[in-house]
Amino acid sequence: MRSLLLAAALATLQAAAPSPEAAAFRVIVHPDVKGARVTRQSLADIFLKKTPRWADGSSIEPVDRSLTSTLRAAFCRQVMGQSPAEAQIYWTKAMHEGRRPPPVKGSDEEVLAFVAATRGAIGYVSPNRALPTTVKALEIQ
């Protein structure tokens, strides 16, 4: 009985604890983008360029990280349910159809600069990165 209670308590604690990847990245957008939340599916569709426009009709401009970035690996796993290599295969096929992948930036600073300077832009940065007033964070639902 005691071990059963201990197992139940441990399971409850594990369920309540955030996953190790829960705060692996922070999604940011240009401040003119309306709204404060985005669903994981919408985010995946944006970065796969299946959704090219925001709800107001303006163009969405996603910016990605390099294939070797740990942020990109976490983003691909958590948002798209695939590895960066699988995402690269997707883009290799899409480029044969004339579609271009999002531009790639190598650092948080580069992503922040791109998003701040590009209307409709969306990207992701390190979870603890202080954000300037030139971008805003989106909550993932």
N, C-alpha and C. Protein backbone atom coordinates (compact mmCIF):
# COMPACT_ATOMS: atom_id res chain seq x y z
N MET A 1 0.83 -1.19 0.00
CA MET A 1 0.00 0.00 0.00
C MET A 1 0.87 1.25 0.00
N ARG A 2 1.91 1.26 0.84
CA ARG A 2 2.79 2.41 0.93
C ARG A 2 3.48 2.66 -0.41
N SER A 3 3.96 1.60 -1.06
CA SER A 3 4.64 1.79 -2.35
C SER A 3 3.66 2.26 -3.42
N LEU A 4 2.42 1.83 -3.32
CA LEU A 4 1.40 2.28 -4.27
C LEU A 4 1.13 3.77 -4.10
N LEU A 5 1.04 4.25 -2.85
CA LEU A 5 0.85 5.67 -2.59
C LEU A 5 2.05 6.48 -3.06
N LEU A 6 3.25 5.95 -2.83
CA LEU A 6 4.46 6.63 -3.26
C LEU A 6 4.51 6.73 -4.79
N ALA A 7 4.14 5.67 -5.46
CA ALA A 7 4.12 5.67 -6.92
C ALA A 7 3.09 6.68 -7.45
N ALA A 8 1.93 6.73 -6.81
CA ALA A 8 0.90 7.68 -7.23
C ALA A 8 1.36 9.12 -7.01
N ALA A 9 2.00 9.38 -5.88
CA ALA A 9 2.51 10.73 -5.59
C ALA A 9 3.58 11.12 -6.59
N LEU A 10 4.47 10.19 -6.91
CA LEU A 10 5.53 10.47 -7.88
C LEU A 10 4.94 10.75 -9.26
N ALA A 11 3.95 9.98 -9.67
CA ALA A 11 3.31 10.19 -10.96
C ALA A 11 2.64 11.57 -11.01
N THR A 12 2.01 11.97 -9.92
CA THR A 12 1.37 13.28 -9.86
C THR A 12 2.41 14.39 -9.99
N LEU A 13 3.53 14.27 -9.29
CA LEU A 13 4.58 15.28 -9.38
C LEU A 13 5.16 15.36 -10.78
N GLN A 14 5.37 14.21 -11.40
CA GLN A 14 5.93 14.20 -12.75
C GLN A 14 4.96 14.82 -13.74
N ALA A 15 3.67 14.58 -13.57
CA ALA A 15 2.68 15.15 -14.48
C ALA A 15 2.60 16.66 -14.32
N ALA A 16 2.79 17.15 -13.09
CA ALA A 16 2.69 18.58 -12.83
C ALA A 16 3.96 19.33 -13.23
N ALA A 17 5.09 18.64 -13.24
CA ALA A 17 6.36 19.29 -13.57
C ALA A 17 6.42 19.57 -15.06
N PRO A 18 6.99 20.72 -15.43
CA PRO A 18 7.12 21.00 -16.86
C PRO A 18 8.11 20.06 -17.50
N SER A 19 7.89 19.77 -18.77
CA SER A 19 8.83 18.91 -19.48
C SER A 19 10.14 19.65 -19.64
N PRO A 20 11.27 18.94 -19.85
CA PRO A 20 12.54 19.61 -20.00
C PRO A 20 12.55 20.60 -21.15
N GLU A 21 11.70 20.39 -22.16
CA GLU A 21 11.67 21.28 -23.32
C GLU A 21 10.59 22.36 -23.21
N ALA A 22 9.88 22.40 -22.08
CA ALA A 22 8.75 23.31 -21.97
C ALA A 22 9.14 24.76 -22.27
N ALA A 23 10.31 25.16 -21.88
CA ALA A 23 10.74 26.53 -22.11
C ALA A 23 11.99 26.55 -22.98
N ALA A 24 12.00 25.75 -24.02
CA ALA A 24 13.19 25.61 -24.86
C ALA A 24 13.38 26.78 -25.83
N PHE A 25 12.32 27.56 -26.09
CA PHE A 25 12.40 28.69 -27.01
C PHE A 25 11.24 29.63 -26.72
N ARG A 26 11.32 30.81 -27.29
CA ARG A 26 10.27 31.81 -27.12
C ARG A 26 9.92 32.35 -28.51
N VAL A 27 8.65 32.31 -28.86
CA VAL A 27 8.20 32.78 -30.17
C VAL A 27 7.98 34.29 -30.11
N ILE A 28 8.53 34.98 -31.12
CA ILE A 28 8.41 36.44 -31.18
C ILE A 28 7.86 36.86 -32.53
N VAL A 29 7.20 38.02 -32.55
CA VAL A 29 6.66 38.57 -33.79
C VAL A 29 6.93 40.07 -33.83
N HIS A 30 6.78 40.62 -35.03
CA HIS A 30 6.84 42.07 -35.22
C HIS A 30 5.70 42.67 -34.40
N PRO A 31 5.89 43.82 -33.79
CA PRO A 31 4.85 44.38 -32.92
C PRO A 31 3.53 44.71 -33.61
N ASP A 32 3.53 44.84 -34.94
CA ASP A 32 2.28 45.11 -35.65
C ASP A 32 1.40 43.88 -35.83
N VAL A 33 1.94 42.69 -35.57
CA VAL A 33 1.15 41.46 -35.69
C VAL A 33 0.11 41.45 -34.57
N LYS A 34 -1.15 41.24 -34.95
CA LYS A 34 -2.25 41.24 -33.98
C LYS A 34 -2.27 39.93 -33.20
N GLY A 35 -2.75 40.00 -31.98
CA GLY A 35 -2.92 38.82 -31.16
C GLY A 35 -1.76 38.56 -30.22
N ALA A 36 -2.01 37.65 -29.29
CA ALA A 36 -1.02 37.31 -28.28
C ALA A 36 -0.75 35.82 -28.19
N ARG A 37 -1.52 35.01 -28.96
CA ARG A 37 -1.39 33.55 -28.88
C ARG A 37 -1.39 32.95 -30.28
N VAL A 38 -0.79 31.77 -30.36
CA VAL A 38 -0.79 31.01 -31.61
C VAL A 38 -0.84 29.53 -31.23
N THR A 39 -1.57 28.74 -32.00
CA THR A 39 -1.61 27.30 -31.74
C THR A 39 -0.36 26.65 -32.33
N ARG A 40 -0.01 25.50 -31.80
CA ARG A 40 1.15 24.76 -32.35
C ARG A 40 0.95 24.43 -33.82
N GLN A 41 -0.26 24.03 -34.18
CA GLN A 41 -0.53 23.68 -35.57
C GLN A 41 -0.37 24.89 -36.48
N SER A 42 -0.90 26.04 -36.06
CA SER A 42 -0.74 27.26 -36.85
C SER A 42 0.73 27.62 -36.99
N LEU A 43 1.47 27.48 -35.91
CA LEU A 43 2.90 27.78 -35.93
C LEU A 43 3.64 26.85 -36.90
N ALA A 44 3.30 25.57 -36.87
CA ALA A 44 3.91 24.62 -37.81
C ALA A 44 3.57 25.01 -39.24
N ASP A 45 2.32 25.33 -39.49
CA ASP A 45 1.91 25.72 -40.85
C ASP A 45 2.61 26.99 -41.31
N ILE A 46 2.84 27.92 -40.39
CA ILE A 46 3.56 29.15 -40.73
C ILE A 46 4.99 28.84 -41.14
N PHE A 47 5.68 28.02 -40.35
CA PHE A 47 7.09 27.74 -40.63
C PHE A 47 7.28 26.77 -41.79
N LEU A 48 6.24 26.04 -42.16
CA LEU A 48 6.30 25.20 -43.36
C LEU A 48 5.76 25.97 -44.57
N LYS A 49 5.40 27.22 -44.33
CA LYS A 49 4.84 28.13 -45.33
C LYS A 49 3.57 27.60 -45.99
N LYS A 50 2.79 26.87 -45.20
CA LYS A 50 1.47 26.43 -45.64
C LYS A 50 0.43 27.53 -45.37
N THR A 51 0.75 28.42 -44.43
CA THR A 51 -0.10 29.57 -44.13
C THR A 51 0.73 30.81 -44.43
N PRO A 52 0.47 31.47 -45.55
CA PRO A 52 1.31 32.60 -45.95
C PRO A 52 0.85 33.97 -45.43
N ARG A 53 -0.37 34.04 -44.84
CA ARG A 53 -0.91 35.35 -44.44
C ARG A 53 -1.48 35.31 -43.03
N TRP A 54 -1.33 36.44 -42.33
CA TRP A 54 -1.97 36.61 -41.04
C TRP A 54 -3.47 36.81 -41.27
N ALA A 55 -4.25 36.78 -40.21
CA ALA A 55 -5.71 36.93 -40.32
C ALA A 55 -6.11 38.25 -40.97
N ASP A 56 -5.29 39.29 -40.83
CA ASP A 56 -5.62 40.59 -41.44
C ASP A 56 -5.21 40.67 -42.90
N GLY A 57 -4.66 39.59 -43.47
CA GLY A 57 -4.27 39.55 -44.87
C GLY A 57 -2.83 39.91 -45.15
N SER A 58 -2.11 40.38 -44.15
CA SER A 58 -0.70 40.75 -44.36
C SER A 58 0.17 39.49 -44.45
N SER A 59 1.28 39.62 -45.14
CA SER A 59 2.19 38.48 -45.35
C SER A 59 2.87 38.06 -44.05
N ILE A 60 3.03 36.76 -43.90
CA ILE A 60 3.79 36.20 -42.78
C ILE A 60 5.21 35.97 -43.27
N GLU A 61 6.18 36.42 -42.49
CA GLU A 61 7.59 36.29 -42.84
C GLU A 61 8.32 35.51 -41.74
N PRO A 62 8.30 34.16 -41.80
CA PRO A 62 9.01 33.40 -40.77
C PRO A 62 10.52 33.48 -40.96
N VAL A 63 11.24 33.40 -39.87
CA VAL A 63 12.70 33.34 -39.89
C VAL A 63 13.11 32.15 -39.02
N ASP A 64 14.01 31.34 -39.52
CA ASP A 64 14.40 30.10 -38.86
C ASP A 64 15.82 30.22 -38.31
N ARG A 65 16.23 29.20 -37.58
CA ARG A 65 17.60 29.11 -37.06
C ARG A 65 18.35 28.06 -37.88
N SER A 66 19.66 27.99 -37.71
CA SER A 66 20.47 27.06 -38.49
C SER A 66 20.14 25.62 -38.12
N LEU A 67 20.44 24.71 -39.03
CA LEU A 67 20.17 23.28 -38.79
C LEU A 67 20.90 22.74 -37.58
N THR A 68 22.00 23.35 -37.20
CA THR A 68 22.79 22.86 -36.06
C THR A 68 22.37 23.50 -34.74
N SER A 69 21.40 24.40 -34.77
CA SER A 69 20.96 25.10 -33.57
C SER A 69 20.14 24.18 -32.66
N THR A 70 20.44 24.21 -31.37
CA THR A 70 19.64 23.44 -30.41
C THR A 70 18.22 24.03 -30.30
N LEU A 71 18.10 25.35 -30.51
CA LEU A 71 16.76 25.96 -30.52
C LEU A 71 15.92 25.41 -31.66
N ARG A 72 16.54 25.27 -32.84
CA ARG A 72 15.80 24.74 -33.99
C ARG A 72 15.40 23.29 -33.74
N ALA A 73 16.28 22.52 -33.14
CA ALA A 73 15.94 21.12 -32.84
C ALA A 73 14.73 21.06 -31.91
N ALA A 74 14.73 21.87 -30.86
CA ALA A 74 13.60 21.88 -29.92
C ALA A 74 12.34 22.39 -30.61
N PHE A 75 12.46 23.43 -31.42
CA PHE A 75 11.31 23.98 -32.14
C PHE A 75 10.72 22.93 -33.08
N CYS A 76 11.57 22.28 -33.85
CA CYS A 76 11.09 21.25 -34.78
C CYS A 76 10.37 20.13 -34.04
N ARG A 77 10.96 19.66 -32.95
CA ARG A 77 10.34 18.56 -32.19
C ARG A 77 9.01 18.99 -31.59
N GLN A 78 9.01 20.13 -30.90
CA GLN A 78 7.82 20.54 -30.16
C GLN A 78 6.70 21.10 -31.03
N VAL A 79 7.05 21.77 -32.10
CA VAL A 79 6.03 22.42 -32.92
C VAL A 79 5.63 21.57 -34.11
N MET A 80 6.61 21.02 -34.81
CA MET A 80 6.32 20.29 -36.04
C MET A 80 6.32 18.78 -35.87
N GLY A 81 6.80 18.32 -34.72
CA GLY A 81 6.83 16.89 -34.49
C GLY A 81 7.83 16.16 -35.37
N GLN A 82 8.92 16.84 -35.72
CA GLN A 82 9.92 16.22 -36.58
C GLN A 82 11.31 16.74 -36.19
N SER A 83 12.31 16.08 -36.70
CA SER A 83 13.69 16.51 -36.46
C SER A 83 14.06 17.60 -37.47
N PRO A 84 15.13 18.34 -37.20
CA PRO A 84 15.59 19.31 -38.20
C PRO A 84 15.92 18.64 -39.55
N ALA A 85 16.44 17.42 -39.50
CA ALA A 85 16.75 16.70 -40.75
C ALA A 85 15.47 16.43 -41.55
N GLU A 86 14.39 16.05 -40.86
CA GLU A 86 13.11 15.82 -41.54
C GLU A 86 12.56 17.12 -42.12
N ALA A 87 12.74 18.22 -41.39
CA ALA A 87 12.31 19.52 -41.91
C ALA A 87 13.12 19.89 -43.15
N GLN A 88 14.40 19.57 -43.13
CA GLN A 88 15.25 19.86 -44.29
C GLN A 88 14.82 19.04 -45.51
N ILE A 89 14.43 17.80 -45.29
CA ILE A 89 13.92 16.97 -46.39
C ILE A 89 12.65 17.59 -46.96
N TYR A 90 11.77 18.07 -46.09
CA TYR A 90 10.55 18.75 -46.53
C TYR A 90 10.90 19.91 -47.44
N TRP A 91 11.88 20.75 -47.02
CA TRP A 91 12.23 21.93 -47.80
C TRP A 91 12.95 21.58 -49.09
N THR A 92 13.72 20.51 -49.08
CA THR A 92 14.37 20.08 -50.32
C THR A 92 13.31 19.74 -51.37
N LYS A 93 12.28 19.01 -50.97
CA LYS A 93 11.18 18.68 -51.88
C LYS A 93 10.41 19.93 -52.29
N ALA A 94 10.14 20.81 -51.32
CA ALA A 94 9.37 22.02 -51.61
C ALA A 94 10.11 22.94 -52.56
N MET A 95 11.43 23.00 -52.46
CA MET A 95 12.21 23.86 -53.36
C MET A 95 12.13 23.37 -54.80
N HIS A 96 11.98 22.06 -54.99
CA HIS A 96 11.79 21.53 -56.34
C HIS A 96 10.46 21.98 -56.93
N GLU A 97 9.52 22.35 -56.06
CA GLU A 97 8.21 22.87 -56.50
C GLU A 97 8.22 24.40 -56.58
N GLY A 98 9.37 25.01 -56.34
CA GLY A 98 9.49 26.45 -56.44
C GLY A 98 9.24 27.22 -55.15
N ARG A 99 9.03 26.53 -54.03
CA ARG A 99 8.82 27.21 -52.75
C ARG A 99 10.15 27.38 -52.03
N ARG A 100 10.34 28.51 -51.40
CA ARG A 100 11.58 28.83 -50.71
C ARG A 100 11.41 28.69 -49.19
N PRO A 101 12.39 28.13 -48.51
CA PRO A 101 12.31 28.04 -47.05
C PRO A 101 12.50 29.42 -46.41
N PRO A 102 12.15 29.54 -45.14
CA PRO A 102 12.39 30.80 -44.44
C PRO A 102 13.89 31.11 -44.41
N PRO A 103 14.24 32.40 -44.35
CA PRO A 103 15.66 32.73 -44.18
C PRO A 103 16.15 32.18 -42.85
N VAL A 104 17.44 31.93 -42.77
CA VAL A 104 18.05 31.36 -41.57
C VAL A 104 18.96 32.40 -40.93
N LYS A 105 18.84 32.52 -39.62
CA LYS A 105 19.70 33.43 -38.85
C LYS A 105 20.45 32.61 -37.80
N GLY A 106 21.65 33.06 -37.47
CA GLY A 106 22.52 32.27 -36.60
C GLY A 106 22.47 32.59 -35.13
N SER A 107 21.79 33.67 -34.74
CA SER A 107 21.80 34.04 -33.33
C SER A 107 20.48 34.71 -32.95
N ASP A 108 20.25 34.80 -31.64
CA ASP A 108 19.07 35.51 -31.14
C ASP A 108 19.07 36.95 -31.64
N GLU A 109 20.25 37.59 -31.60
CA GLU A 109 20.34 38.99 -32.02
C GLU A 109 19.92 39.16 -33.47
N GLU A 110 20.34 38.24 -34.33
CA GLU A 110 19.97 38.32 -35.75
C GLU A 110 18.47 38.11 -35.94
N VAL A 111 17.89 37.17 -35.20
CA VAL A 111 16.45 36.92 -35.29
C VAL A 111 15.69 38.14 -34.78
N LEU A 112 16.11 38.69 -33.65
CA LEU A 112 15.46 39.88 -33.11
C LEU A 112 15.52 41.03 -34.10
N ALA A 113 16.66 41.25 -34.72
CA ALA A 113 16.81 42.34 -35.69
C ALA A 113 15.90 42.11 -36.90
N PHE A 114 15.84 40.88 -37.41
CA PHE A 114 14.99 40.58 -38.57
C PHE A 114 13.52 40.81 -38.23
N VAL A 115 13.09 40.27 -37.10
CA VAL A 115 11.68 40.39 -36.72
C VAL A 115 11.31 41.86 -36.48
N ALA A 116 12.17 42.60 -35.83
CA ALA A 116 11.90 44.01 -35.55
C ALA A 116 11.81 44.83 -36.85
N ALA A 117 12.59 44.46 -37.85
CA ALA A 117 12.67 45.25 -39.08
C ALA A 117 11.71 44.79 -40.18
N THR A 118 11.03 43.66 -39.97
CA THR A 118 10.23 43.07 -41.05
C THR A 118 8.77 42.95 -40.62
N ARG A 119 7.89 43.72 -41.25
CA ARG A 119 6.46 43.64 -40.94
C ARG A 119 5.97 42.21 -41.20
N GLY A 120 5.20 41.67 -40.28
CA GLY A 120 4.66 40.32 -40.43
C GLY A 120 5.62 39.22 -40.03
N ALA A 121 6.80 39.58 -39.54
CA ALA A 121 7.82 38.57 -39.21
C ALA A 121 7.50 37.81 -37.94
N ILE A 122 7.97 36.56 -37.92
CA ILE A 122 7.84 35.69 -36.76
C ILE A 122 9.10 34.84 -36.68
N GLY A 123 9.59 34.64 -35.46
CA GLY A 123 10.78 33.82 -35.25
C GLY A 123 10.78 33.28 -33.83
N TYR A 124 11.90 32.73 -33.43
CA TYR A 124 12.01 32.22 -32.07
C TYR A 124 13.42 32.45 -31.56
N VAL A 125 13.51 32.68 -30.24
CA VAL A 125 14.77 32.99 -29.59
C VAL A 125 14.88 32.17 -28.30
N SER A 126 16.00 32.29 -27.64
CA SER A 126 16.21 31.61 -26.37
C SER A 126 15.14 32.03 -25.37
N PRO A 127 14.71 31.10 -24.51
CA PRO A 127 13.57 31.38 -23.63
C PRO A 127 13.80 32.49 -22.62
N ASN A 128 15.02 32.70 -22.19
CA ASN A 128 15.30 33.72 -21.18
C ASN A 128 15.81 35.02 -21.78
N ARG A 129 15.80 35.12 -23.07
CA ARG A 129 16.32 36.31 -23.76
C ARG A 129 15.42 37.50 -23.46
N ALA A 130 16.01 38.58 -22.99
CA ALA A 130 15.25 39.81 -22.78
C ALA A 130 14.82 40.34 -24.15
N LEU A 131 13.58 40.76 -24.24
CA LEU A 131 13.05 41.23 -25.52
C LEU A 131 13.01 42.75 -25.55
N PRO A 132 13.49 43.33 -26.65
CA PRO A 132 13.36 44.78 -26.80
C PRO A 132 11.91 45.13 -27.12
N THR A 133 11.57 46.38 -27.05
CA THR A 133 10.20 46.82 -27.34
C THR A 133 9.88 46.75 -28.83
N THR A 134 10.88 46.42 -29.65
CA THR A 134 10.68 46.34 -31.10
C THR A 134 10.10 45.01 -31.55
N VAL A 135 9.89 44.07 -30.61
CA VAL A 135 9.25 42.79 -30.89
C VAL A 135 8.32 42.47 -29.75
N LYS A 136 7.45 41.47 -29.96
CA LYS A 136 6.61 41.00 -28.85
C LYS A 136 6.57 39.48 -28.86
N ALA A 137 6.34 38.90 -27.71
CA ALA A 137 6.29 37.45 -27.57
C ALA A 137 4.86 36.95 -27.83
N LEU A 138 4.76 35.74 -28.37
CA LEU A 138 3.47 35.07 -28.52
C LEU A 138 3.45 33.85 -27.62
N GLU A 139 2.32 33.61 -27.02
CA GLU A 139 2.12 32.40 -26.21
C GLU A 139 1.68 31.28 -27.15
N ILE A 140 2.26 30.09 -26.95
CA ILE A 140 1.86 28.93 -27.75
C ILE A 140 0.77 28.17 -27.00
N GLN A 141 -0.34 27.92 -27.69
CA GLN A 141 -1.44 27.18 -27.08
C GLN A 141 -1.33 25.72 -27.38
